[in-house]
């Protein structure tokens, strides 16, 4: 299958190689959470809910110098259509939960909230590639909505290499093609990479191109998240003024 048309240079879904899917974010979608968000990357849709900082439930896990961050990732039964879905608590879900937690810990100022707990719950409502990136972006929005102090916005995007072409933000069909792909998480303003996962080997020069493409995607997502948060702040100011 030709994932990139050799004549037009367009991908199967009509995007250019360096073009991201349409993204959309919305905060305050779960009424009883301290912070929540919905984040969409193309047809991939994720909801995030944040609770805390609050009292640590298991006192044996309490830390005197920083907050305890917990993360739980799951996929809705209907999220993948007719594709096989693994049950909650499976090895993949546990691994993704850990990856997201470590990425969010790099952005949260945990030392400002010692002896407390922050819970991040993520559920994939619709999966079409890039679910862990969408989860990280949703979690960042939800943390900001909860007023959790962060040193920078953690954002994530994937990229891959198919048909001798670096591709940004892979969908499910491209992700399943078997080519090398990377998922990158960044703190854009601090110019730090906090997550780097790669599923196959790449020559260093190709890897550099693919990595840089993903980082550019992270920067675009960070700019969009700032716009969402700014728009929400303006709405709150209008409500207070009226």
C-alpha atoms as a PDB file:
ATOM      1  CA  UNK A   1       0.000   0.000   0.000  1.00  0.00           C
ATOM      2  CA  UNK A   2       1.208   3.501  -0.884  1.00  0.00           C
ATOM      3  CA  UNK A   3       0.840   5.551   2.300  1.00  0.00           C
ATOM      4  CA  UNK A   4       2.181   8.616   0.469  1.00  0.00           C
ATOM      5  CA  UNK A   5       1.073   9.263  -3.102  1.00  0.00           C
ATOM      6  CA  UNK A   6       4.292   9.438  -5.185  1.00  0.00           C
ATOM      7  CA  UNK A   7       2.688  11.920  -7.612  1.00  0.00           C
ATOM      8  CA  UNK A   8       0.909  14.358  -5.305  1.00  0.00           C
ATOM      9  CA  UNK A   9       2.848  13.787  -2.075  1.00  0.00           C
ATOM     10  CA  UNK A  10      -0.395  13.515  -0.112  1.00  0.00           C
ATOM     11  CA  UNK A  11      -1.164  10.841   2.495  1.00  0.00           C
ATOM     12  CA  UNK A  12      -4.188   8.528   2.451  1.00  0.00           C
ATOM     13  CA  UNK A  13      -6.269  10.975   4.520  1.00  0.00           C
ATOM     14  CA  UNK A  14      -5.324  13.937   2.310  1.00  0.00           C
ATOM     15  CA  UNK A  15      -2.705  15.450   4.614  1.00  0.00           C
ATOM     16  CA  UNK A  16       0.769  16.550   3.651  1.00  0.00           C
ATOM     17  CA  UNK A  17       3.646  14.619   5.300  1.00  0.00           C
ATOM     18  CA  UNK A  18       4.331  17.422   7.814  1.00  0.00           C
ATOM     19  CA  UNK A  19       0.663  18.203   8.485  1.00  0.00           C
ATOM     20  CA  UNK A  20      -1.007  17.382  11.776  1.00  0.00           C
ATOM     21  CA  UNK A  21      -4.574  16.184  12.126  1.00  0.00           C
ATOM     22  CA  UNK A  22      -7.121  18.726  13.308  1.00  0.00           C
ATOM     23  CA  UNK A  23      -6.858  19.222  17.072  1.00  0.00           C
ATOM     24  CA  UNK A  24      -9.526  20.405  19.482  1.00  0.00           C
ATOM     25  CA  UNK A  25      -9.464  20.930  23.230  1.00  0.00           C
ATOM     26  CA  UNK A  26     -12.157  21.765  25.749  1.00  0.00           C
ATOM     27  CA  UNK A  27     -11.850  22.153  29.516  1.00  0.00           C
ATOM     28  CA  UNK A  28     -14.356  21.740  32.339  1.00  0.00           C
ATOM     29  CA  UNK A  29     -16.106  18.700  30.848  1.00  0.00           C
ATOM     30  CA  UNK A  30     -16.418  16.695  34.106  1.00  0.00           C
ATOM     31  CA  UNK A  31     -18.410  18.674  36.665  1.00  0.00           C
ATOM     32  CA  UNK A  32     -17.246  16.903  39.843  1.00  0.00           C
ATOM     33  CA  UNK A  33     -13.536  16.810  38.986  1.00  0.00           C
ATOM     34  CA  UNK A  34     -11.138  19.500  40.189  1.00  0.00           C
ATOM     35  CA  UNK A  35     -10.013  19.831  36.582  1.00  0.00           C
ATOM     36  CA  UNK A  36     -10.989  18.095  33.358  1.00  0.00           C
ATOM     37  CA  UNK A  37     -10.543  18.269  29.616  1.00  0.00           C
ATOM     38  CA  UNK A  38     -11.469  16.675  26.321  1.00  0.00           C
ATOM     39  CA  UNK A  39      -8.749  16.534  23.683  1.00  0.00           C
ATOM     40  CA  UNK A  40      -9.124  15.397  20.087  1.00  0.00           C
ATOM     41  CA  UNK A  41      -6.427  14.620  17.528  1.00  0.00           C
ATOM     42  CA  UNK A  42      -8.290  13.771  14.357  1.00  0.00           C
ATOM     43  CA  UNK A  43     -10.609  10.889  15.216  1.00  0.00           C
ATOM     44  CA  UNK A  44      -8.767  10.090  18.455  1.00  0.00           C
ATOM     45  CA  UNK A  45     -10.706  11.462  21.423  1.00  0.00           C
ATOM     46  CA  UNK A  46      -9.580  11.399  25.058  1.00  0.00           C
ATOM     47  CA  UNK A  47     -11.133  12.682  28.268  1.00  0.00           C
ATOM     48  CA  UNK A  48      -9.030  13.538  31.331  1.00  0.00           C
ATOM     49  CA  UNK A  49     -10.124  14.202  34.916  1.00  0.00           C
ATOM     50  CA  UNK A  50      -7.861  15.485  37.701  1.00  0.00           C
ATOM     51  CA  UNK A  51      -8.543  15.259  41.436  1.00  0.00           C
ATOM     52  CA  UNK A  52      -6.303  17.026  43.918  1.00  0.00           C
ATOM     53  CA  UNK A  53      -4.100  18.034  45.449  1.00  0.00           C
ATOM     54  CA  UNK A  54      -5.827  16.155  48.257  1.00  0.00           C
ATOM     55  CA  UNK A  55      -4.993  14.020  51.263  1.00  0.00           C
ATOM     56  CA  UNK A  56      -2.977  10.900  50.465  1.00  0.00           C
ATOM     57  CA  UNK A  57      -5.262   7.876  50.706  1.00  0.00           C
ATOM     58  CA  UNK A  58      -2.492   5.366  51.414  1.00  0.00           C
ATOM     59  CA  UNK A  59      -0.323   6.917  54.127  1.00  0.00           C
ATOM     60  CA  UNK A  60       2.479   4.503  53.273  1.00  0.00           C
ATOM     61  CA  UNK A  61       2.865   6.294  49.915  1.00  0.00           C
ATOM     62  CA  UNK A  62       2.926   9.806  51.390  1.00  0.00           C
ATOM     63  CA  UNK A  63       6.052  11.855  50.641  1.00  0.00           C
ATOM     64  CA  UNK A  64       7.155  14.687  52.927  1.00  0.00           C
ATOM     65  CA  UNK A  65       8.986  16.598  50.207  1.00  0.00           C
ATOM     66  CA  UNK A  66       6.577  16.395  47.255  1.00  0.00           C
ATOM     67  CA  UNK A  67       3.141  15.413  46.015  1.00  0.00           C
ATOM     68  CA  UNK A  68       2.306  11.874  44.962  1.00  0.00           C
ATOM     69  CA  UNK A  69       1.144  11.759  41.326  1.00  0.00           C
ATOM     70  CA  UNK A  70      -1.010   8.823  40.241  1.00  0.00           C
ATOM     71  CA  UNK A  71      -2.255   8.102  36.732  1.00  0.00           C
ATOM     72  CA  UNK A  72      -4.809   5.625  35.422  1.00  0.00           C
ATOM     73  CA  UNK A  73      -5.269   5.032  31.678  1.00  0.00           C
ATOM     74  CA  UNK A  74      -8.104   3.035  30.180  1.00  0.00           C
ATOM     75  CA  UNK A  75      -9.958   2.581  26.909  1.00  0.00           C
ATOM     76  CA  UNK A  76     -13.725   2.662  26.579  1.00  0.00           C
ATOM     77  CA  UNK A  77     -15.307  -0.568  25.313  1.00  0.00           C
ATOM     78  CA  UNK A  78     -16.541   1.235  22.202  1.00  0.00           C
ATOM     79  CA  UNK A  79     -13.305   3.142  21.482  1.00  0.00           C
ATOM     80  CA  UNK A  80     -11.820   0.875  18.812  1.00  0.00           C
ATOM     81  CA  UNK A  81     -14.857  -0.325  16.870  1.00  0.00           C
ATOM     82  CA  UNK A  82     -14.402  -3.927  15.737  1.00  0.00           C
ATOM     83  CA  UNK A  83     -10.701  -4.075  16.624  1.00  0.00           C
ATOM     84  CA  UNK A  84      -9.752  -6.323  19.540  1.00  0.00           C
ATOM     85  CA  UNK A  85      -9.665  -4.440  22.829  1.00  0.00           C
ATOM     86  CA  UNK A  86      -7.715  -5.458  25.902  1.00  0.00           C
ATOM     87  CA  UNK A  87      -9.289  -5.290  29.333  1.00  0.00           C
ATOM     88  CA  UNK A  88      -8.547  -2.600  31.909  1.00  0.00           C
ATOM     89  CA  UNK A  89      -5.437  -3.327  33.921  1.00  0.00           C
ATOM     90  CA  UNK A  90      -3.668  -5.195  31.113  1.00  0.00           C
ATOM     91  CA  UNK A  91       0.064  -4.815  30.608  1.00  0.00           C
ATOM     92  CA  UNK A  92      -0.235  -2.192  27.863  1.00  0.00           C
ATOM     93  CA  UNK A  93      -2.560   0.015  29.919  1.00  0.00           C
ATOM     94  CA  UNK A  94      -0.234  -0.250  32.923  1.00  0.00           C
ATOM     95  CA  UNK A  95       2.770   0.705  30.781  1.00  0.00           C
ATOM     96  CA  UNK A  96       0.979   3.680  29.216  1.00  0.00           C
ATOM     97  CA  UNK A  97      -0.204   4.840  32.659  1.00  0.00           C
ATOM     98  CA  UNK A  98       3.405   4.801  33.855  1.00  0.00           C
ATOM     99  CA  UNK A  99       4.676   6.692  30.787  1.00  0.00           C
ATOM    100  CA  UNK A 100       2.032   9.389  31.170  1.00  0.00           C
ATOM    101  CA  UNK A 101       2.640   9.712  34.919  1.00  0.00           C
ATOM    102  CA  UNK A 102       6.384  10.173  34.422  1.00  0.00           C
ATOM    103  CA  UNK A 103       5.766  12.747  31.691  1.00  0.00           C
ATOM    104  CA  UNK A 104       3.340  14.742  33.850  1.00  0.00           C
ATOM    105  CA  UNK A 105       5.646  14.557  36.888  1.00  0.00           C
ATOM    106  CA  UNK A 106       8.285  16.360  34.829  1.00  0.00           C
ATOM    107  CA  UNK A 107       5.943  19.354  34.437  1.00  0.00           C
ATOM    108  CA  UNK A 108       4.125  19.462  37.803  1.00  0.00           C
ATOM    109  CA  UNK A 109       5.752  21.475  40.595  1.00  0.00           C
ATOM    110  CA  UNK A 110       5.262  18.620  43.058  1.00  0.00           C
ATOM    111  CA  UNK A 111       7.548  20.179  45.691  1.00  0.00           C
ATOM    112  CA  UNK A 112       4.976  22.929  46.266  1.00  0.00           C
ATOM    113  CA  UNK A 113       2.394  20.357  47.414  1.00  0.00           C
ATOM    114  CA  UNK A 114       4.144  17.994  49.874  1.00  0.00           C
ATOM    115  CA  UNK A 115       2.175  15.255  51.655  1.00  0.00           C
ATOM    116  CA  UNK A 116      -0.616  15.452  49.061  1.00  0.00           C
ATOM    117  CA  UNK A 117      -1.904  13.361  46.176  1.00  0.00           C
ATOM    118  CA  UNK A 118      -2.869  14.244  42.604  1.00  0.00           C
ATOM    119  CA  UNK A 119      -4.893  11.702  40.615  1.00  0.00           C
ATOM    120  CA  UNK A 120      -5.089  11.830  36.822  1.00  0.00           C
ATOM    121  CA  UNK A 121      -7.715   9.625  35.155  1.00  0.00           C
ATOM    122  CA  UNK A 122      -7.630   9.209  31.374  1.00  0.00           C
ATOM    123  CA  UNK A 123     -10.096   7.408  29.175  1.00  0.00           C
ATOM    124  CA  UNK A 124      -9.852   6.946  25.425  1.00  0.00           C
ATOM    125  CA  UNK A 125     -13.310   7.476  23.950  1.00  0.00           C
ATOM    126  CA  UNK A 126     -12.247   6.886  20.350  1.00  0.00           C
ATOM    127  CA  UNK A 127      -8.920   5.478  19.156  1.00  0.00           C
ATOM    128  CA  UNK A 128      -7.408   6.241  15.761  1.00  0.00           C
ATOM    129  CA  UNK A 129      -3.676   6.393  16.487  1.00  0.00           C
ATOM    130  CA  UNK A 130      -1.697   8.648  18.806  1.00  0.00           C
ATOM    131  CA  UNK A 131      -3.682   7.796  21.930  1.00  0.00           C
ATOM    132  CA  UNK A 132      -0.840   8.337  24.405  1.00  0.00           C
ATOM    133  CA  UNK A 133      -0.018  11.705  22.876  1.00  0.00           C
ATOM    134  CA  UNK A 134      -3.660  12.731  23.092  1.00  0.00           C
ATOM    135  CA  UNK A 135      -3.728  11.567  26.722  1.00  0.00           C
ATOM    136  CA  UNK A 136      -0.716  13.700  27.662  1.00  0.00           C
ATOM    137  CA  UNK A 137      -2.234  16.749  25.956  1.00  0.00           C
ATOM    138  CA  UNK A 138      -5.584  16.146  27.668  1.00  0.00           C
ATOM    139  CA  UNK A 139      -3.876  15.704  31.040  1.00  0.00           C
ATOM    140  CA  UNK A 140      -2.032  19.020  30.650  1.00  0.00           C
ATOM    141  CA  UNK A 141      -5.284  20.845  29.936  1.00  0.00           C
ATOM    142  CA  UNK A 142      -7.008  19.145  32.888  1.00  0.00           C
ATOM    143  CA  UNK A 143      -4.138  19.980  35.264  1.00  0.00           C
ATOM    144  CA  UNK A 144      -4.274  23.617  34.194  1.00  0.00           C
ATOM    145  CA  UNK A 145      -8.048  23.593  34.698  1.00  0.00           C
ATOM    146  CA  UNK A 146      -7.487  22.250  38.233  1.00  0.00           C
ATOM    147  CA  UNK A 147      -5.026  25.037  38.975  1.00  0.00           C
ATOM    148  CA  UNK A 148      -2.131  22.631  39.512  1.00  0.00           C
ATOM    149  CA  UNK A 149       1.152  24.606  39.317  1.00  0.00           C
ATOM    150  CA  UNK A 150       3.364  23.493  36.419  1.00  0.00           C
ATOM    151  CA  UNK A 151       6.845  24.569  35.320  1.00  0.00           C
ATOM    152  CA  UNK A 152       5.784  24.257  31.664  1.00  0.00           C
ATOM    153  CA  UNK A 153       3.069  22.720  29.487  1.00  0.00           C
ATOM    154  CA  UNK A 154       3.750  19.063  28.726  1.00  0.00           C
ATOM    155  CA  UNK A 155       2.716  18.274  25.157  1.00  0.00           C
ATOM    156  CA  UNK A 156       3.138  15.207  22.966  1.00  0.00           C
ATOM    157  CA  UNK A 157       3.005  14.197  19.318  1.00  0.00           C
ATOM    158  CA  UNK A 158       4.045  11.204  17.215  1.00  0.00           C
ATOM    159  CA  UNK A 159       5.871  10.920  13.918  1.00  0.00           C
ATOM    160  CA  UNK A 160       6.973   8.057  11.713  1.00  0.00           C
ATOM    161  CA  UNK A 161       8.818   7.005   8.583  1.00  0.00           C
ATOM    162  CA  UNK A 162       6.859   5.435   5.721  1.00  0.00           C
ATOM    163  CA  UNK A 163       7.510   5.307   1.974  1.00  0.00           C
ATOM    164  CA  UNK A 164      10.911   6.961   2.583  1.00  0.00           C
ATOM    165  CA  UNK A 165       9.088   9.980   4.026  1.00  0.00           C
ATOM    166  CA  UNK A 166       8.921  11.374   7.579  1.00  0.00           C
ATOM    167  CA  UNK A 167       5.245  11.702   8.569  1.00  0.00           C
ATOM    168  CA  UNK A 168       3.787  13.801  11.378  1.00  0.00           C
ATOM    169  CA  UNK A 169       0.994  12.644  13.729  1.00  0.00           C
ATOM    170  CA  UNK A 170       0.278   9.093  12.540  1.00  0.00           C
ATOM    171  CA  UNK A 171      -3.286   7.816  12.373  1.00  0.00           C
ATOM    172  CA  UNK A 172      -4.208   4.181  13.056  1.00  0.00           C
ATOM    173  CA  UNK A 173      -3.666   2.979   9.473  1.00  0.00           C
ATOM    174  CA  UNK A 174      -0.211   4.569   9.304  1.00  0.00           C
ATOM    175  CA  UNK A 175       0.706   3.446  12.813  1.00  0.00           C
ATOM    176  CA  UNK A 176      -0.238  -0.141  11.900  1.00  0.00           C
ATOM    177  CA  UNK A 177       1.863  -0.164   8.733  1.00  0.00           C
ATOM    178  CA  UNK A 178       4.858  -1.553  10.593  1.00  0.00           C
ATOM    179  CA  UNK A 179       7.243   1.307   9.915  1.00  0.00           C
ATOM    180  CA  UNK A 180       9.369   2.964  12.587  1.00  0.00           C
ATOM    181  CA  UNK A 181       7.579   5.595  14.654  1.00  0.00           C
ATOM    182  CA  UNK A 182       8.367   7.729  17.683  1.00  0.00           C
ATOM    183  CA  UNK A 183       6.218   9.303  20.375  1.00  0.00           C
ATOM    184  CA  UNK A 184       7.722  12.447  21.832  1.00  0.00           C
ATOM    185  CA  UNK A 185       6.796  14.476  24.907  1.00  0.00           C
ATOM    186  CA  UNK A 186       8.254  17.922  25.495  1.00  0.00           C
ATOM    187  CA  UNK A 187       8.336  20.912  27.795  1.00  0.00           C
ATOM    188  CA  UNK A 188       8.472  23.384  24.914  1.00  0.00           C
ATOM    189  CA  UNK A 189       9.449  26.628  26.677  1.00  0.00           C
ATOM    190  CA  UNK A 190      12.166  24.816  28.629  1.00  0.00           C
ATOM    191  CA  UNK A 191      13.331  23.094  25.414  1.00  0.00           C
ATOM    192  CA  UNK A 192      13.304  19.685  27.125  1.00  0.00           C
ATOM    193  CA  UNK A 193      12.284  16.260  25.822  1.00  0.00           C
ATOM    194  CA  UNK A 194      10.533  14.359  28.631  1.00  0.00           C
ATOM    195  CA  UNK A 195       9.337  11.340  26.628  1.00  0.00           C
ATOM    196  CA  UNK A 196      10.882   9.450  23.728  1.00  0.00           C
ATOM    197  CA  UNK A 197       9.560   6.062  22.661  1.00  0.00           C
ATOM    198  CA  UNK A 198      10.549   4.370  19.403  1.00  0.00           C
ATOM    199  CA  UNK A 199       9.164   1.112  18.053  1.00  0.00           C
ATOM    200  CA  UNK A 200      11.913   0.261  15.531  1.00  0.00           C
ATOM    201  CA  UNK A 201      15.464   1.138  14.593  1.00  0.00           C
ATOM    202  CA  UNK A 202      16.251   4.082  12.330  1.00  0.00           C
ATOM    203  CA  UNK A 203      19.512   5.362  10.856  1.00  0.00           C
ATOM    204  CA  UNK A 204      20.614   8.398  12.860  1.00  0.00           C
ATOM    205  CA  UNK A 205      20.038  10.906  10.045  1.00  0.00           C
ATOM    206  CA  UNK A 206      16.478   9.648   9.504  1.00  0.00           C
ATOM    207  CA  UNK A 207      15.857   9.554  13.260  1.00  0.00           C
ATOM    208  CA  UNK A 208      16.906  13.195  13.551  1.00  0.00           C
ATOM    209  CA  UNK A 209      14.377  14.221  10.886  1.00  0.00           C
ATOM    210  CA  UNK A 210      11.560  12.184  12.448  1.00  0.00           C
ATOM    211  CA  UNK A 211      12.346  13.459  15.964  1.00  0.00           C
ATOM    212  CA  UNK A 212      12.467  17.087  14.845  1.00  0.00           C
ATOM    213  CA  UNK A 213       9.134  16.681  13.068  1.00  0.00           C
ATOM    214  CA  UNK A 214       7.510  15.374  16.264  1.00  0.00           C
ATOM    215  CA  UNK A 215       9.020  18.227  18.305  1.00  0.00           C
ATOM    216  CA  UNK A 216       7.548  20.746  15.853  1.00  0.00           C
ATOM    217  CA  UNK A 217       4.190  19.030  16.371  1.00  0.00           C
ATOM    218  CA  UNK A 218       4.593  19.392  20.144  1.00  0.00           C
ATOM    219  CA  UNK A 219       5.289  23.118  19.716  1.00  0.00           C
ATOM    220  CA  UNK A 220       2.137  23.588  17.636  1.00  0.00           C
ATOM    221  CA  UNK A 221       0.058  21.738  20.234  1.00  0.00           C
ATOM    222  CA  UNK A 222       1.557  23.843  23.065  1.00  0.00           C
ATOM    223  CA  UNK A 223       0.563  27.022  21.205  1.00  0.00           C
ATOM    224  CA  UNK A 224      -2.964  25.683  20.739  1.00  0.00           C
ATOM    225  CA  UNK A 225      -3.299  24.697  24.423  1.00  0.00           C
ATOM    226  CA  UNK A 226      -2.222  28.212  25.436  1.00  0.00           C
ATOM    227  CA  UNK A 227      -4.961  29.608  23.172  1.00  0.00           C
ATOM    228  CA  UNK A 228      -7.577  27.342  24.804  1.00  0.00           C
ATOM    229  CA  UNK A 229      -6.488  28.389  28.306  1.00  0.00           C
ATOM    230  CA  UNK A 230      -6.400  32.077  27.346  1.00  0.00           C
ATOM    231  CA  UNK A 231      -9.885  31.874  25.844  1.00  0.00           C
ATOM    232  CA  UNK A 232     -11.166  30.192  28.998  1.00  0.00           C
ATOM    233  CA  UNK A 233      -9.589  32.916  31.160  1.00  0.00           C
ATOM    234  CA  UNK A 234     -11.333  35.577  29.087  1.00  0.00           C
ATOM    235  CA  UNK A 235     -14.676  33.788  29.538  1.00  0.00           C
ATOM    236  CA  UNK A 236     -14.184  33.649  33.312  1.00  0.00           C
ATOM    237  CA  UNK A 237     -13.322  37.351  33.418  1.00  0.00           C
ATOM    238  CA  UNK A 238     -16.475  38.177  31.433  1.00  0.00           C
ATOM    239  CA  UNK A 239     -18.585  36.082  33.815  1.00  0.00           C
ATOM    240  CA  UNK A 240     -17.111  37.857  36.837  1.00  0.00           C
ATOM    241  CA  UNK A 241     -17.611  41.232  35.196  1.00  0.00           C
ATOM    242  CA  UNK A 242     -21.278  40.556  34.497  1.00  0.00           C
END
